[in-house]
Amino acid sequence: MMICITHTSALVCSALQKACGGKCYYPVGMQCVNNAYVCKVGQSVCGSECFYDVGVHSCINGVLCNFGQKLCGNECYLDVGVHSCLDGVLCKLGQKLCNKQCYYPVAQTCVSRRWLIEK
């Protein structure tokens, strides 16, 4: 049995295991990324997710999106003229923002930038 001492506590791993981010793991086919995440060999980390960085996904501000997508707040979207990002909120095209809520100005009115009223 092997004992790995971390800066805050003792972690007990078997002789075949390695320590990573306070966890023990078997290194066959696995790797420790950023001394915090156990991922398969060849994977990278985005936020807290392991992924293969082969051009299928992109990591934007710690959020894993499909390649070609943009980030609005914490939501990935494909910018093809259907949505718009307004102050970090993903709305449909033609909508406006009222207190972080999307609305259609044709059907609703935003009062004092806080409440929506049906027209």
Foldseek 3Di string as FASTA:
>chain_A
DDWDQDPPGIADDDPQWDAAQNDTDRPVQWDHAPSHAIDGPQWHAQQRDTDHPPQQWDHDNRAIDGHQWDAQQNDTDHPPQQWDRDNSAIDGPQWDAACSDTDHPVQWDHDPSHDIDGD
